[in-house]
């Protein structure tokens, strides 16, 4: 997996102060996407064990308290990203207790593959659905178009 950006301190992508990782790779290629540079799975830099460690360190940093991790992109549930994202989330859950995870994906919850569902089980809030330019609404919180849903995964159990 590659990633295009990592923000160790972010107050835009999810509630509170967060660490945010923009992964590379997206097959949806939504018209009007603000992050087209992340569509190619080869864009950006290779995601590494060192980056996993940096994210854990940042999440546990007491000088700048972070509520959690946001995963966006590209698409964290892009098939080529699943192993790396699953590994990252397992580390976050085990080594940064109490931190929540938000994830944005163009896939819908009802249409996830078994492997994608395995990843989503480690997420606290999922924002699902493709960005649809004709449904764009700048007043929506944490999503770009009205068809996208904010789903608290814990409530699905």
C-alpha atoms as a PDB file:
ATOM      1  CA  UNK A   1       0.000   0.000   0.000  1.00  0.00           C
ATOM      2  CA  UNK A   2       1.053   3.550  -0.652  1.00  0.00           C
ATOM      3  CA  UNK A   3      -0.087   6.703   1.081  1.00  0.00           C
ATOM      4  CA  UNK A   4      -0.220  10.238  -0.234  1.00  0.00           C
ATOM      5  CA  UNK A   5      -0.253  12.253   3.005  1.00  0.00           C
ATOM      6  CA  UNK A   6      -0.037  11.809   6.732  1.00  0.00           C
ATOM      7  CA  UNK A   7      -1.103  14.589   9.087  1.00  0.00           C
ATOM      8  CA  UNK A   8      -0.033  13.895  12.673  1.00  0.00           C
ATOM      9  CA  UNK A   9      -2.331  16.708  13.864  1.00  0.00           C
ATOM     10  CA  UNK A  10      -5.645  17.272  12.069  1.00  0.00           C
ATOM     11  CA  UNK A  11      -8.880  18.938  13.164  1.00  0.00           C
ATOM     12  CA  UNK A  12     -10.803  18.631   9.876  1.00  0.00           C
ATOM     13  CA  UNK A  13     -11.258  14.898   9.192  1.00  0.00           C
ATOM     14  CA  UNK A  14     -13.399  13.722  12.093  1.00  0.00           C
ATOM     15  CA  UNK A  15     -14.218  14.981  15.566  1.00  0.00           C
ATOM     16  CA  UNK A  16     -11.558  16.446  17.830  1.00  0.00           C
ATOM     17  CA  UNK A  17      -7.836  16.491  17.206  1.00  0.00           C
ATOM     18  CA  UNK A  18      -6.762  13.453  15.196  1.00  0.00           C
ATOM     19  CA  UNK A  19      -4.011  11.820  13.197  1.00  0.00           C
ATOM     20  CA  UNK A  20      -5.082  11.386   9.558  1.00  0.00           C
ATOM     21  CA  UNK A  21      -3.703   9.054   6.897  1.00  0.00           C
ATOM     22  CA  UNK A  22      -4.584   9.542   3.224  1.00  0.00           C
ATOM     23  CA  UNK A  23      -4.018   6.207   1.506  1.00  0.00           C
ATOM     24  CA  UNK A  24      -3.485   5.795  -2.238  1.00  0.00           C
ATOM     25  CA  UNK A  25      -5.712   3.715  -4.489  1.00  0.00           C
ATOM     26  CA  UNK A  26      -9.338   4.260  -5.423  1.00  0.00           C
ATOM     27  CA  UNK A  27     -11.375   2.584  -8.127  1.00  0.00           C
ATOM     28  CA  UNK A  28     -14.447   4.821  -7.729  1.00  0.00           C
ATOM     29  CA  UNK A  29     -12.954   7.921  -9.371  1.00  0.00           C
ATOM     30  CA  UNK A  30     -15.915  10.079  -8.438  1.00  0.00           C
ATOM     31  CA  UNK A  31     -16.577  13.127 -10.605  1.00  0.00           C
ATOM     32  CA  UNK A  32     -15.691  16.211  -8.563  1.00  0.00           C
ATOM     33  CA  UNK A  33     -13.402  14.346  -6.154  1.00  0.00           C
ATOM     34  CA  UNK A  34     -11.163  16.810  -4.314  1.00  0.00           C
ATOM     35  CA  UNK A  35      -8.383  14.247  -3.959  1.00  0.00           C
ATOM     36  CA  UNK A  36      -7.825  12.843  -7.454  1.00  0.00           C
ATOM     37  CA  UNK A  37      -4.071  12.598  -6.851  1.00  0.00           C
ATOM     38  CA  UNK A  38      -4.776   9.598  -4.570  1.00  0.00           C
ATOM     39  CA  UNK A  39      -6.612   7.493  -7.180  1.00  0.00           C
ATOM     40  CA  UNK A  40      -3.539   5.630  -8.413  1.00  0.00           C
ATOM     41  CA  UNK A  41      -2.408   2.923  -5.983  1.00  0.00           C
ATOM     42  CA  UNK A  42       1.173   3.813  -6.990  1.00  0.00           C
ATOM     43  CA  UNK A  43       0.939   7.484  -5.999  1.00  0.00           C
ATOM     44  CA  UNK A  44       2.678   8.773  -2.917  1.00  0.00           C
ATOM     45  CA  UNK A  45       5.096   6.809  -0.750  1.00  0.00           C
ATOM     46  CA  UNK A  46       5.244   3.190   0.351  1.00  0.00           C
ATOM     47  CA  UNK A  47       3.498   2.567   3.670  1.00  0.00           C
ATOM     48  CA  UNK A  48       5.916   0.906   6.075  1.00  0.00           C
ATOM     49  CA  UNK A  49       6.254  -0.543   9.554  1.00  0.00           C
ATOM     50  CA  UNK A  50       8.035   2.700  10.464  1.00  0.00           C
ATOM     51  CA  UNK A  51       4.894   4.653   9.512  1.00  0.00           C
ATOM     52  CA  UNK A  52       2.755   2.321  11.640  1.00  0.00           C
ATOM     53  CA  UNK A  53       5.098   3.066  14.556  1.00  0.00           C
ATOM     54  CA  UNK A  54       4.929   6.821  13.904  1.00  0.00           C
ATOM     55  CA  UNK A  55       1.123   6.745  13.942  1.00  0.00           C
ATOM     56  CA  UNK A  56       1.118   4.818  17.255  1.00  0.00           C
ATOM     57  CA  UNK A  57       3.617   7.270  18.786  1.00  0.00           C
ATOM     58  CA  UNK A  58       1.535  10.230  17.621  1.00  0.00           C
ATOM     59  CA  UNK A  59      -1.724   8.747  18.924  1.00  0.00           C
ATOM     60  CA  UNK A  60      -0.124   8.183  22.335  1.00  0.00           C
ATOM     61  CA  UNK A  61       1.630  11.575  22.508  1.00  0.00           C
ATOM     62  CA  UNK A  62       0.436  13.313  25.681  1.00  0.00           C
ATOM     63  CA  UNK A  63       1.674  16.757  24.577  1.00  0.00           C
ATOM     64  CA  UNK A  64      -0.939  16.929  21.808  1.00  0.00           C
ATOM     65  CA  UNK A  65      -3.828  14.703  22.781  1.00  0.00           C
ATOM     66  CA  UNK A  66      -5.525  13.089  19.842  1.00  0.00           C
ATOM     67  CA  UNK A  67      -8.995  11.597  19.967  1.00  0.00           C
ATOM     68  CA  UNK A  68      -8.161   9.054  17.284  1.00  0.00           C
ATOM     69  CA  UNK A  69      -7.139   8.096  13.779  1.00  0.00           C
ATOM     70  CA  UNK A  70      -8.880   9.014  10.519  1.00  0.00           C
ATOM     71  CA  UNK A  71      -8.333   6.919   7.392  1.00  0.00           C
ATOM     72  CA  UNK A  72      -9.268   8.434   4.061  1.00  0.00           C
ATOM     73  CA  UNK A  73      -7.735   8.683   0.657  1.00  0.00           C
ATOM     74  CA  UNK A  74      -7.987   7.296  -1.969  1.00  0.00           C
ATOM     75  CA  UNK A  75      -9.974   4.532  -0.347  1.00  0.00           C
ATOM     76  CA  UNK A  76      -8.803   2.529   2.678  1.00  0.00           C
ATOM     77  CA  UNK A  77     -11.040  -0.347   1.518  1.00  0.00           C
ATOM     78  CA  UNK A  78      -9.497  -0.474  -1.957  1.00  0.00           C
ATOM     79  CA  UNK A  79      -8.625  -4.176  -2.375  1.00  0.00           C
ATOM     80  CA  UNK A  80      -4.886  -3.518  -2.610  1.00  0.00           C
ATOM     81  CA  UNK A  81      -4.955  -1.652   0.718  1.00  0.00           C
ATOM     82  CA  UNK A  82      -6.801  -4.177   2.860  1.00  0.00           C
ATOM     83  CA  UNK A  83      -3.863  -6.111   4.336  1.00  0.00           C
ATOM     84  CA  UNK A  84      -1.923  -2.980   5.307  1.00  0.00           C
ATOM     85  CA  UNK A  85      -4.984  -1.203   6.710  1.00  0.00           C
ATOM     86  CA  UNK A  86      -5.993  -4.286   8.697  1.00  0.00           C
ATOM     87  CA  UNK A  87      -2.473  -4.534  10.139  1.00  0.00           C
ATOM     88  CA  UNK A  88      -2.480  -0.827  11.038  1.00  0.00           C
ATOM     89  CA  UNK A  89      -5.866  -1.027  12.749  1.00  0.00           C
ATOM     90  CA  UNK A  90      -4.858  -4.070  14.770  1.00  0.00           C
ATOM     91  CA  UNK A  91      -1.831  -2.135  16.036  1.00  0.00           C
ATOM     92  CA  UNK A  92      -3.921   0.950  16.818  1.00  0.00           C
ATOM     93  CA  UNK A  93      -6.518  -1.036  18.764  1.00  0.00           C
ATOM     94  CA  UNK A  94      -3.856  -2.962  20.720  1.00  0.00           C
ATOM     95  CA  UNK A  95      -1.354  -0.181  21.344  1.00  0.00           C
ATOM     96  CA  UNK A  96      -3.392   3.040  21.436  1.00  0.00           C
ATOM     97  CA  UNK A  97      -6.324   2.055  23.653  1.00  0.00           C
ATOM     98  CA  UNK A  98      -9.234   4.438  23.824  1.00  0.00           C
ATOM     99  CA  UNK A  99      -8.525   6.038  20.446  1.00  0.00           C
ATOM    100  CA  UNK A 100     -11.381   5.950  17.968  1.00  0.00           C
ATOM    101  CA  UNK A 101     -11.044   5.206  14.257  1.00  0.00           C
ATOM    102  CA  UNK A 102     -12.979   6.957  11.510  1.00  0.00           C
ATOM    103  CA  UNK A 103     -12.865   5.703   7.925  1.00  0.00           C
ATOM    104  CA  UNK A 104     -14.116   7.146   4.634  1.00  0.00           C
ATOM    105  CA  UNK A 105     -14.888   4.790   1.748  1.00  0.00           C
ATOM    106  CA  UNK A 106     -16.701   4.928  -1.566  1.00  0.00           C
ATOM    107  CA  UNK A 107     -18.039   1.418  -0.974  1.00  0.00           C
ATOM    108  CA  UNK A 108     -21.338   0.944   0.848  1.00  0.00           C
ATOM    109  CA  UNK A 109     -21.613  -1.128   4.003  1.00  0.00           C
ATOM    110  CA  UNK A 110     -24.119  -3.511   2.404  1.00  0.00           C
ATOM    111  CA  UNK A 111     -21.780  -4.339  -0.487  1.00  0.00           C
ATOM    112  CA  UNK A 112     -18.493  -4.971   1.325  1.00  0.00           C
ATOM    113  CA  UNK A 113     -16.493  -8.117   0.677  1.00  0.00           C
ATOM    114  CA  UNK A 114     -15.726 -10.409   3.636  1.00  0.00           C
ATOM    115  CA  UNK A 115     -12.174  -8.977   3.841  1.00  0.00           C
ATOM    116  CA  UNK A 116     -13.488  -5.392   3.768  1.00  0.00           C
ATOM    117  CA  UNK A 117     -15.939  -6.282   6.557  1.00  0.00           C
ATOM    118  CA  UNK A 118     -13.040  -7.661   8.598  1.00  0.00           C
ATOM    119  CA  UNK A 119     -11.367  -4.242   8.369  1.00  0.00           C
ATOM    120  CA  UNK A 120     -14.564  -2.330   9.148  1.00  0.00           C
ATOM    121  CA  UNK A 121     -15.060  -4.376  12.333  1.00  0.00           C
ATOM    122  CA  UNK A 122     -12.063  -2.458  13.738  1.00  0.00           C
ATOM    123  CA  UNK A 123     -13.538   0.952  12.837  1.00  0.00           C
ATOM    124  CA  UNK A 124     -15.705   3.058  15.134  1.00  0.00           C
ATOM    125  CA  UNK A 125     -17.349   5.286  12.529  1.00  0.00           C
ATOM    126  CA  UNK A 126     -17.650   4.589   8.809  1.00  0.00           C
ATOM    127  CA  UNK A 127     -18.519   7.240   6.245  1.00  0.00           C
ATOM    128  CA  UNK A 128     -19.668   5.226   3.239  1.00  0.00           C
ATOM    129  CA  UNK A 129     -20.763   5.859  -0.321  1.00  0.00           C
ATOM    130  CA  UNK A 130     -19.286   7.500  -3.376  1.00  0.00           C
ATOM    131  CA  UNK A 131     -19.083  11.272  -3.562  1.00  0.00           C
ATOM    132  CA  UNK A 132     -21.876  12.430  -5.881  1.00  0.00           C
ATOM    133  CA  UNK A 133     -21.274  15.921  -7.191  1.00  0.00           C
ATOM    134  CA  UNK A 134     -24.983  16.600  -7.831  1.00  0.00           C
ATOM    135  CA  UNK A 135     -25.653  15.816  -4.143  1.00  0.00           C
ATOM    136  CA  UNK A 136     -22.754  17.917  -2.832  1.00  0.00           C
ATOM    137  CA  UNK A 137     -23.678  19.930   0.240  1.00  0.00           C
ATOM    138  CA  UNK A 138     -20.993  22.029   1.975  1.00  0.00           C
ATOM    139  CA  UNK A 139     -23.153  22.158   5.117  1.00  0.00           C
ATOM    140  CA  UNK A 140     -22.866  18.412   5.756  1.00  0.00           C
ATOM    141  CA  UNK A 141     -20.568  17.481   8.597  1.00  0.00           C
ATOM    142  CA  UNK A 142     -17.757  15.017   7.772  1.00  0.00           C
ATOM    143  CA  UNK A 143     -19.141  14.075   4.348  1.00  0.00           C
ATOM    144  CA  UNK A 144     -19.309  15.702   0.953  1.00  0.00           C
ATOM    145  CA  UNK A 145     -22.617  14.590  -0.535  1.00  0.00           C
ATOM    146  CA  UNK A 146     -26.014  13.776   0.936  1.00  0.00           C
ATOM    147  CA  UNK A 147     -25.974  10.126  -0.200  1.00  0.00           C
ATOM    148  CA  UNK A 148     -22.975   9.399   2.038  1.00  0.00           C
ATOM    149  CA  UNK A 149     -23.774   7.998   5.476  1.00  0.00           C
ATOM    150  CA  UNK A 150     -22.119   8.407   8.865  1.00  0.00           C
ATOM    151  CA  UNK A 151     -22.419   4.940  10.409  1.00  0.00           C
ATOM    152  CA  UNK A 152     -21.439   4.189  14.024  1.00  0.00           C
ATOM    153  CA  UNK A 153     -20.176   0.625  13.627  1.00  0.00           C
ATOM    154  CA  UNK A 154     -20.615  -0.227  17.324  1.00  0.00           C
ATOM    155  CA  UNK A 155     -24.378   0.185  16.898  1.00  0.00           C
ATOM    156  CA  UNK A 156     -24.477  -2.555  14.243  1.00  0.00           C
ATOM    157  CA  UNK A 157     -23.672  -5.365  16.670  1.00  0.00           C
END
